[in-house]
Amino acid sequence: MRSTLTYDLPTRLFHWLFSGLFLLSFAIAKIVDDDSIIFTYHMLMGLILGGLVLWRIVWGFFGSKHARFSGFNLNPLDLKDYFLGILSGSKKRWSGHNPASSWAAITMFALGLGSAITGYLMSTGNKETFEDIHEFMANTFIVVVILHIAGVLLHSIRHQDKIALSMVDGKKEFTENSEPIPSSRPFAASLLIALVLAAGIYLYKNFDSQNGTLQLLGQTLQLGEDQNDNGEDDDDD
């Protein structure tokens, strides 16, 4: 029975915001031409995603027990035993993140932040320098996401354990090693939502869709094709 409160609300909100922003941003980058105004929203979402990861790093030290990095199982031997256990039908359960999800989370945090940073650097006039690195990180990220989803499905089928729902209601099945958290931390969740909304409003107000530029903390970022440059090139022709 799924009755043990394991993941706080801020962690669950981050999970879905992080996933949604990346997948939507990735889809725009792959489908839309980079000279389209729609493409600039890929970069705006990337900036918010980078801020989310920074928030999650802070929450990894000050959040509830299973949100903290100290609760992640990153022992390579435990990861090996976890995969062997799936094959052998082991009934072992983890009160928080299992070894596979721990490694997947850390990897996705690093790739998400790296993608945001390289995207930012590209918009400062260093597109050619960081474009390949940015694309490599984004493509690697989507591979990790696919592997993570496959792992969740395999675990759920093999162990009849609906772990995917734990990121919806925060609950996991009770075991003798279960360590429930006392609160879902609703105030911190409200603060996270407020910060994301504030960031979105700030970016919207400082974004010039006509020129594809963003004023960010006193710096002008070129998110789309520079229309003025294109015009000058046409005049020269």
C-alpha atoms as a PDB file:
ATOM      1  CA  MET A   1       0.000   0.000   0.000  1.00  0.00           C
ATOM      2  CA  ARG A   2       1.346   3.419  -1.002  1.00  0.00           C
ATOM      3  CA  SER A   3       0.966   5.224   2.308  1.00  0.00           C
ATOM      4  CA  THR A   4       4.397   6.611   3.206  1.00  0.00           C
ATOM      5  CA  LEU A   5       4.930  10.318   2.427  1.00  0.00           C
ATOM      6  CA  THR A   6       8.386  10.339   0.858  1.00  0.00           C
ATOM      7  CA  TYR A   7       8.811  13.265  -1.535  1.00  0.00           C
ATOM      8  CA  ASP A   8       7.887  16.819  -0.573  1.00  0.00           C
ATOM      9  CA  LEU A   9       5.783  19.037  -2.824  1.00  0.00           C
ATOM     10  CA  PRO A  10       8.649  21.323  -3.957  1.00  0.00           C
ATOM     11  CA  THR A  11      10.595  18.277  -5.187  1.00  0.00           C
ATOM     12  CA  ARG A  12       7.582  17.014  -7.127  1.00  0.00           C
ATOM     13  CA  LEU A  13       6.873  20.452  -8.626  1.00  0.00           C
ATOM     14  CA  PHE A  14      10.482  20.744  -9.694  1.00  0.00           C
ATOM     15  CA  HIS A  15      10.337  17.300 -11.289  1.00  0.00           C
ATOM     16  CA  TRP A  16       7.417  18.186 -13.553  1.00  0.00           C
ATOM     17  CA  LEU A  17       8.511  21.752 -14.304  1.00  0.00           C
ATOM     18  CA  PHE A  18      12.021  20.559 -15.138  1.00  0.00           C
ATOM     19  CA  SER A  19      10.724  17.746 -17.347  1.00  0.00           C
ATOM     20  CA  GLY A  20       8.148  19.903 -19.112  1.00  0.00           C
ATOM     21  CA  LEU A  21      10.483  22.816 -19.794  1.00  0.00           C
ATOM     22  CA  PHE A  22      13.216  20.604 -21.172  1.00  0.00           C
ATOM     23  CA  LEU A  23      10.979  18.496 -23.401  1.00  0.00           C
ATOM     24  CA  LEU A  24       9.151  21.519 -24.817  1.00  0.00           C
ATOM     25  CA  SER A  25      12.390  23.433 -25.318  1.00  0.00           C
ATOM     26  CA  PHE A  26      14.026  20.408 -26.964  1.00  0.00           C
ATOM     27  CA  ALA A  27      11.046  19.915 -29.288  1.00  0.00           C
ATOM     28  CA  ILE A  28      11.119  23.561 -30.407  1.00  0.00           C
ATOM     29  CA  ALA A  29      14.858  23.368 -31.075  1.00  0.00           C
ATOM     30  CA  LYS A  30      14.423  20.279 -33.244  1.00  0.00           C
ATOM     31  CA  ILE A  31      11.278  21.328 -35.112  1.00  0.00           C
ATOM     32  CA  VAL A  32      11.469  25.116 -35.483  1.00  0.00           C
ATOM     33  CA  ASP A  33      14.008  27.010 -37.617  1.00  0.00           C
ATOM     34  CA  ASP A  34      16.376  29.155 -35.563  1.00  0.00           C
ATOM     35  CA  ASP A  35      15.333  32.284 -37.482  1.00  0.00           C
ATOM     36  CA  SER A  36      11.728  31.894 -36.278  1.00  0.00           C
ATOM     37  CA  ILE A  37      10.404  33.977 -33.382  1.00  0.00           C
ATOM     38  CA  ILE A  38       9.153  30.723 -31.849  1.00  0.00           C
ATOM     39  CA  PHE A  39      12.740  29.507 -31.544  1.00  0.00           C
ATOM     40  CA  THR A  40      13.536  32.313 -29.114  1.00  0.00           C
ATOM     41  CA  TYR A  41      11.093  30.771 -26.630  1.00  0.00           C
ATOM     42  CA  HIS A  42      13.304  27.685 -26.626  1.00  0.00           C
ATOM     43  CA  MET A  43      16.058  29.901 -25.232  1.00  0.00           C
ATOM     44  CA  LEU A  44      13.781  31.696 -22.764  1.00  0.00           C
ATOM     45  CA  MET A  45      12.620  28.364 -21.367  1.00  0.00           C
ATOM     46  CA  GLY A  46      16.244  27.269 -21.179  1.00  0.00           C
ATOM     47  CA  LEU A  47      17.040  30.216 -18.932  1.00  0.00           C
ATOM     48  CA  ILE A  48      14.164  29.351 -16.599  1.00  0.00           C
ATOM     49  CA  LEU A  49      15.285  25.713 -16.614  1.00  0.00           C
ATOM     50  CA  GLY A  50      18.795  26.757 -15.582  1.00  0.00           C
ATOM     51  CA  GLY A  51      17.349  28.782 -12.714  1.00  0.00           C
ATOM     52  CA  LEU A  52      15.256  25.785 -11.657  1.00  0.00           C
ATOM     53  CA  VAL A  53      18.338  23.583 -11.457  1.00  0.00           C
ATOM     54  CA  LEU A  54      20.106  26.171  -9.299  1.00  0.00           C
ATOM     55  CA  TRP A  55      17.066  26.174  -7.005  1.00  0.00           C
ATOM     56  CA  ARG A  56      17.153  22.358  -6.890  1.00  0.00           C
ATOM     57  CA  ILE A  57      20.817  22.393  -5.911  1.00  0.00           C
ATOM     58  CA  VAL A  58      19.951  24.620  -2.951  1.00  0.00           C
ATOM     59  CA  TRP A  59      16.990  22.375  -2.103  1.00  0.00           C
ATOM     60  CA  GLY A  60      19.352  19.417  -2.266  1.00  0.00           C
ATOM     61  CA  PHE A  61      20.992  20.745   0.887  1.00  0.00           C
ATOM     62  CA  PHE A  62      18.052  22.311   2.732  1.00  0.00           C
ATOM     63  CA  GLY A  63      15.042  20.290   1.562  1.00  0.00           C
ATOM     64  CA  SER A  64      13.378  17.394   3.331  1.00  0.00           C
ATOM     65  CA  LYS A  65      15.211  14.114   3.866  1.00  0.00           C
ATOM     66  CA  HIS A  66      14.634  12.437   0.504  1.00  0.00           C
ATOM     67  CA  ALA A  67      15.168  15.651  -1.461  1.00  0.00           C
ATOM     68  CA  ARG A  68      18.681  16.100  -0.086  1.00  0.00           C
ATOM     69  CA  PHE A  69      21.702  14.893  -2.007  1.00  0.00           C
ATOM     70  CA  SER A  70      22.829  13.114   1.146  1.00  0.00           C
ATOM     71  CA  GLY A  71      19.859  10.808   0.624  1.00  0.00           C
ATOM     72  CA  PHE A  72      20.881   9.882  -2.925  1.00  0.00           C
ATOM     73  CA  ASN A  73      22.492   6.477  -3.349  1.00  0.00           C
ATOM     74  CA  LEU A  74      25.500   7.017  -5.645  1.00  0.00           C
ATOM     75  CA  ASN A  75      27.521   3.958  -4.661  1.00  0.00           C
ATOM     76  CA  PRO A  76      28.489   2.201  -7.946  1.00  0.00           C
ATOM     77  CA  LEU A  77      28.296  -1.208  -6.266  1.00  0.00           C
ATOM     78  CA  ASP A  78      24.726  -0.522  -5.136  1.00  0.00           C
ATOM     79  CA  LEU A  79      23.880   0.494  -8.703  1.00  0.00           C
ATOM     80  CA  LYS A  80      25.241  -2.818  -9.970  1.00  0.00           C
ATOM     81  CA  ASP A  81      23.313  -4.746  -7.311  1.00  0.00           C
ATOM     82  CA  TYR A  82      20.155  -2.813  -8.200  1.00  0.00           C
ATOM     83  CA  PHE A  83      20.279  -3.898 -11.855  1.00  0.00           C
ATOM     84  CA  LEU A  84      21.162  -7.463 -10.890  1.00  0.00           C
ATOM     85  CA  GLY A  85      18.231  -7.389  -8.486  1.00  0.00           C
ATOM     86  CA  ILE A  86      15.845  -6.427 -11.275  1.00  0.00           C
ATOM     87  CA  LEU A  87      17.002  -9.475 -13.252  1.00  0.00           C
ATOM     88  CA  SER A  88      16.805 -11.807 -10.264  1.00  0.00           C
ATOM     89  CA  GLY A  89      13.499 -10.470  -8.931  1.00  0.00           C
ATOM     90  CA  SER A  90      14.919  -8.963  -5.746  1.00  0.00           C
ATOM     91  CA  LYS A  91      12.291  -7.461  -3.446  1.00  0.00           C
ATOM     92  CA  LYS A  92      14.640  -4.857  -1.948  1.00  0.00           C
ATOM     93  CA  ARG A  93      13.105  -1.372  -1.644  1.00  0.00           C
ATOM     94  CA  TRP A  94      14.632   2.044  -1.058  1.00  0.00           C
ATOM     95  CA  SER A  95      12.919   4.596   1.150  1.00  0.00           C
ATOM     96  CA  GLY A  96      13.877   7.412  -1.242  1.00  0.00           C
ATOM     97  CA  HIS A  97      15.718   7.462  -4.564  1.00  0.00           C
ATOM     98  CA  ASN A  98      17.029   4.066  -5.615  1.00  0.00           C
ATOM     99  CA  PRO A  99      20.594   3.895  -7.066  1.00  0.00           C
ATOM    100  CA  ALA A 100      19.426   4.162 -10.689  1.00  0.00           C
ATOM    101  CA  SER A 101      17.158   7.159 -10.124  1.00  0.00           C
ATOM    102  CA  SER A 102      19.859   8.806  -8.004  1.00  0.00           C
ATOM    103  CA  TRP A 103      22.388   8.617 -10.840  1.00  0.00           C
ATOM    104  CA  ALA A 104      19.784   9.643 -13.414  1.00  0.00           C
ATOM    105  CA  ALA A 105      18.775  12.698 -11.377  1.00  0.00           C
ATOM    106  CA  ILE A 106      22.345  13.915 -10.842  1.00  0.00           C
ATOM    107  CA  THR A 107      23.152  13.383 -14.533  1.00  0.00           C
ATOM    108  CA  MET A 108      20.054  15.272 -15.678  1.00  0.00           C
ATOM    109  CA  PHE A 109      20.739  18.136 -13.267  1.00  0.00           C
ATOM    110  CA  ALA A 110      24.276  18.479 -14.639  1.00  0.00           C
ATOM    111  CA  LEU A 111      23.189  18.264 -18.282  1.00  0.00           C
ATOM    112  CA  GLY A 112      20.267  20.637 -17.742  1.00  0.00           C
ATOM    113  CA  LEU A 113      22.460  23.255 -16.082  1.00  0.00           C
ATOM    114  CA  GLY A 114      25.190  22.744 -18.675  1.00  0.00           C
ATOM    115  CA  SER A 115      22.698  23.200 -21.507  1.00  0.00           C
ATOM    116  CA  ALA A 116      21.375  26.405 -19.938  1.00  0.00           C
ATOM    117  CA  ILE A 117      24.868  27.824 -19.415  1.00  0.00           C
ATOM    118  CA  THR A 118      26.074  27.027 -22.936  1.00  0.00           C
ATOM    119  CA  GLY A 119      22.810  28.399 -24.366  1.00  0.00           C
ATOM    120  CA  TYR A 120      23.378  31.612 -22.430  1.00  0.00           C
ATOM    121  CA  LEU A 121      26.961  31.848 -23.678  1.00  0.00           C
ATOM    122  CA  MET A 122      25.768  31.328 -27.253  1.00  0.00           C
ATOM    123  CA  SER A 123      23.438  34.310 -26.898  1.00  0.00           C
ATOM    124  CA  THR A 124      26.322  36.587 -25.830  1.00  0.00           C
ATOM    125  CA  GLY A 125      27.941  36.345 -29.250  1.00  0.00           C
ATOM    126  CA  ASN A 126      29.760  33.030 -28.853  1.00  0.00           C
ATOM    127  CA  LYS A 127      27.359  30.848 -30.802  1.00  0.00           C
ATOM    128  CA  GLU A 128      29.930  28.960 -32.865  1.00  0.00           C
ATOM    129  CA  THR A 129      32.141  28.289 -29.842  1.00  0.00           C
ATOM    130  CA  PHE A 130      29.462  26.644 -27.696  1.00  0.00           C
ATOM    131  CA  GLU A 131      26.892  25.385 -30.210  1.00  0.00           C
ATOM    132  CA  ASP A 132      28.310  21.854 -30.544  1.00  0.00           C
ATOM    133  CA  ILE A 133      28.699  21.468 -26.772  1.00  0.00           C
ATOM    134  CA  HIS A 134      25.154  22.743 -26.214  1.00  0.00           C
ATOM    135  CA  GLU A 135      23.701  20.333 -28.761  1.00  0.00           C
ATOM    136  CA  PHE A 136      25.697  17.403 -27.370  1.00  0.00           C
ATOM    137  CA  MET A 137      24.431  18.070 -23.846  1.00  0.00           C
ATOM    138  CA  ALA A 138      20.820  18.391 -25.007  1.00  0.00           C
ATOM    139  CA  ASN A 139      20.978  15.174 -27.042  1.00  0.00           C
ATOM    140  CA  THR A 140      22.642  13.311 -24.166  1.00  0.00           C
ATOM    141  CA  PHE A 141      19.956  14.645 -21.838  1.00  0.00           C
ATOM    142  CA  ILE A 142      17.154  13.185 -23.962  1.00  0.00           C
ATOM    143  CA  VAL A 143      18.942   9.817 -24.047  1.00  0.00           C
ATOM    144  CA  VAL A 144      19.162   9.822 -20.229  1.00  0.00           C
ATOM    145  CA  VAL A 145      15.467  10.742 -20.035  1.00  0.00           C
ATOM    146  CA  ILE A 146      14.518   7.809 -22.266  1.00  0.00           C
ATOM    147  CA  LEU A 147      16.674   5.424 -20.224  1.00  0.00           C
ATOM    148  CA  HIS A 148      15.181   6.791 -17.007  1.00  0.00           C
ATOM    149  CA  ILE A 149      11.612   6.280 -18.223  1.00  0.00           C
ATOM    150  CA  ALA A 150      12.486   2.773 -19.424  1.00  0.00           C
ATOM    151  CA  GLY A 151      13.996   2.023 -16.028  1.00  0.00           C
ATOM    152  CA  VAL A 152      10.901   3.245 -14.190  1.00  0.00           C
ATOM    153  CA  LEU A 153       8.673   1.094 -16.396  1.00  0.00           C
ATOM    154  CA  LEU A 154      10.907  -1.952 -15.957  1.00  0.00           C
ATOM    155  CA  HIS A 155      10.996  -1.496 -12.189  1.00  0.00           C
ATOM    156  CA  SER A 156       7.215  -1.037 -12.045  1.00  0.00           C
ATOM    157  CA  ILE A 157       6.535  -4.166 -14.089  1.00  0.00           C
ATOM    158  CA  ARG A 158       9.172  -6.324 -12.429  1.00  0.00           C
ATOM    159  CA  HIS A 159       8.341  -5.378  -8.839  1.00  0.00           C
ATOM    160  CA  GLN A 160       4.657  -4.434  -9.237  1.00  0.00           C
ATOM    161  CA  ASP A 161       5.661  -1.153  -7.614  1.00  0.00           C
ATOM    162  CA  LYS A 162       3.981   2.012  -8.926  1.00  0.00           C
ATOM    163  CA  ILE A 163       6.980   4.244  -8.257  1.00  0.00           C
ATOM    164  CA  ALA A 164       6.019   6.686 -11.038  1.00  0.00           C
ATOM    165  CA  LEU A 165       3.062   7.828  -8.928  1.00  0.00           C
ATOM    166  CA  SER A 166       5.422   8.879  -6.138  1.00  0.00           C
ATOM    167  CA  MET A 167       6.190  12.028  -8.120  1.00  0.00           C
ATOM    168  CA  VAL A 168       2.472  12.784  -8.235  1.00  0.00           C
ATOM    169  CA  ASP A 169       1.303  12.330  -4.641  1.00  0.00           C
ATOM    170  CA  GLY A 170       4.712  11.943  -2.982  1.00  0.00           C
ATOM    171  CA  LYS A 171       3.895   8.538  -1.502  1.00  0.00           C
ATOM    172  CA  LYS A 172       5.661   5.182  -1.703  1.00  0.00           C
ATOM    173  CA  GLU A 173       4.847   1.731  -0.419  1.00  0.00           C
ATOM    174  CA  PHE A 174       5.528   1.153   3.244  1.00  0.00           C
ATOM    175  CA  THR A 175       8.470  -1.110   4.074  1.00  0.00           C
ATOM    176  CA  GLU A 176      10.396  -1.825   7.246  1.00  0.00           C
ATOM    177  CA  ASN A 177      13.034   0.657   6.033  1.00  0.00           C
ATOM    178  CA  SER A 178      10.555   3.415   5.185  1.00  0.00           C
ATOM    179  CA  GLU A 179      11.472   6.856   6.457  1.00  0.00           C
ATOM    180  CA  PRO A 180       8.442   9.138   5.980  1.00  0.00           C
ATOM    181  CA  ILE A 181       8.811  12.899   5.991  1.00  0.00           C
ATOM    182  CA  PRO A 182       6.676  14.905   8.451  1.00  0.00           C
ATOM    183  CA  SER A 183       5.478  17.558   5.988  1.00  0.00           C
ATOM    184  CA  SER A 184       5.087  18.139   2.261  1.00  0.00           C
ATOM    185  CA  ARG A 185       6.559  21.658   2.735  1.00  0.00           C
ATOM    186  CA  PRO A 186       3.699  23.636   1.122  1.00  0.00           C
ATOM    187  CA  PHE A 187       5.242  27.042   1.901  1.00  0.00           C
ATOM    188  CA  ALA A 188       8.441  26.160   0.030  1.00  0.00           C
ATOM    189  CA  ALA A 189       6.315  24.889  -2.860  1.00  0.00           C
ATOM    190  CA  SER A 190       4.430  28.195  -2.994  1.00  0.00           C
ATOM    191  CA  LEU A 191       7.740  30.050  -2.971  1.00  0.00           C
ATOM    192  CA  LEU A 192       9.013  27.954  -5.873  1.00  0.00           C
ATOM    193  CA  ILE A 193       5.901  28.706  -7.933  1.00  0.00           C
ATOM    194  CA  ALA A 194       6.235  32.421  -7.124  1.00  0.00           C
ATOM    195  CA  LEU A 195       9.891  32.428  -8.210  1.00  0.00           C
ATOM    196  CA  VAL A 196       9.117  30.678 -11.510  1.00  0.00           C
ATOM    197  CA  LEU A 197       6.254  33.088 -12.242  1.00  0.00           C
ATOM    198  CA  ALA A 198       8.423  36.076 -11.343  1.00  0.00           C
ATOM    199  CA  ALA A 199      11.203  34.828 -13.617  1.00  0.00           C
ATOM    200  CA  GLY A 200       8.754  34.285 -16.469  1.00  0.00           C
ATOM    201  CA  ILE A 201       7.260  37.786 -16.080  1.00  0.00           C
ATOM    202  CA  TYR A 202      10.724  39.350 -15.897  1.00  0.00           C
ATOM    203  CA  LEU A 203      11.868  37.609 -19.075  1.00  0.00           C
ATOM    204  CA  TYR A 204       8.630  38.482 -20.887  1.00  0.00           C
ATOM    205  CA  LYS A 205       8.864  42.174 -19.996  1.00  0.00           C
ATOM    206  CA  ASN A 206      12.513  42.399 -21.027  1.00  0.00           C
ATOM    207  CA  PHE A 207      12.196  40.422 -24.240  1.00  0.00           C
ATOM    208  CA  ASP A 208      12.023  42.293 -27.551  1.00  0.00           C
ATOM    209  CA  SER A 209      10.317  39.861 -29.915  1.00  0.00           C
ATOM    210  CA  GLN A 210      10.867  42.160 -32.907  1.00  0.00           C
ATOM    211  CA  ASN A 211      14.645  42.042 -32.618  1.00  0.00           C
ATOM    212  CA  GLY A 212      14.888  38.728 -30.766  1.00  0.00           C
ATOM    213  CA  THR A 213      16.841  40.309 -27.920  1.00  0.00           C
ATOM    214  CA  LEU A 214      16.586  40.003 -24.161  1.00  0.00           C
ATOM    215  CA  GLN A 215      17.777  42.507 -21.582  1.00  0.00           C
ATOM    216  CA  LEU A 216      19.034  40.347 -18.728  1.00  0.00           C
ATOM    217  CA  LEU A 217      20.530  42.093 -15.714  1.00  0.00           C
ATOM    218  CA  GLY A 218      21.901  44.934 -17.835  1.00  0.00           C
ATOM    219  CA  GLN A 219      23.211  42.676 -20.610  1.00  0.00           C
ATOM    220  CA  THR A 220      21.741  42.334 -24.099  1.00  0.00           C
ATOM    221  CA  LEU A 221      21.344  38.727 -25.228  1.00  0.00           C
ATOM    222  CA  GLN A 222      20.659  37.858 -28.853  1.00  0.00           C
ATOM    223  CA  LEU A 223      18.102  35.039 -28.723  1.00  0.00           C
ATOM    224  CA  GLY A 224      17.143  35.093 -32.393  1.00  0.00           C
ATOM    225  CA  GLU A 225      18.565  36.153 -35.704  1.00  0.00           C
ATOM    226  CA  ASP A 226      19.678  39.779 -35.678  1.00  0.00           C
ATOM    227  CA  GLN A 227      17.278  41.482 -38.075  1.00  0.00           C
ATOM    228  CA  ASN A 228      19.499  44.542 -38.336  1.00  0.00           C
ATOM    229  CA  ASP A 229      22.448  42.462 -39.461  1.00  0.00           C
ATOM    230  CA  ASN A 230      20.303  40.730 -42.051  1.00  0.00           C
ATOM    231  CA  GLY A 231      19.128  44.068 -43.334  1.00  0.00           C
ATOM    232  CA  GLU A 232      22.664  45.357 -43.684  1.00  0.00           C
ATOM    233  CA  ASP A 233      23.684  42.255 -45.583  1.00  0.00           C
ATOM    234  CA  ASP A 234      20.753  42.717 -47.972  1.00  0.00           C
ATOM    235  CA  ASP A 235      21.721  46.345 -48.581  1.00  0.00           C
ATOM    236  CA  ASP A 236      25.307  45.350 -49.357  1.00  0.00           C
ATOM    237  CA  ASP A 237      24.048  42.855 -51.913  1.00  0.00           C
END
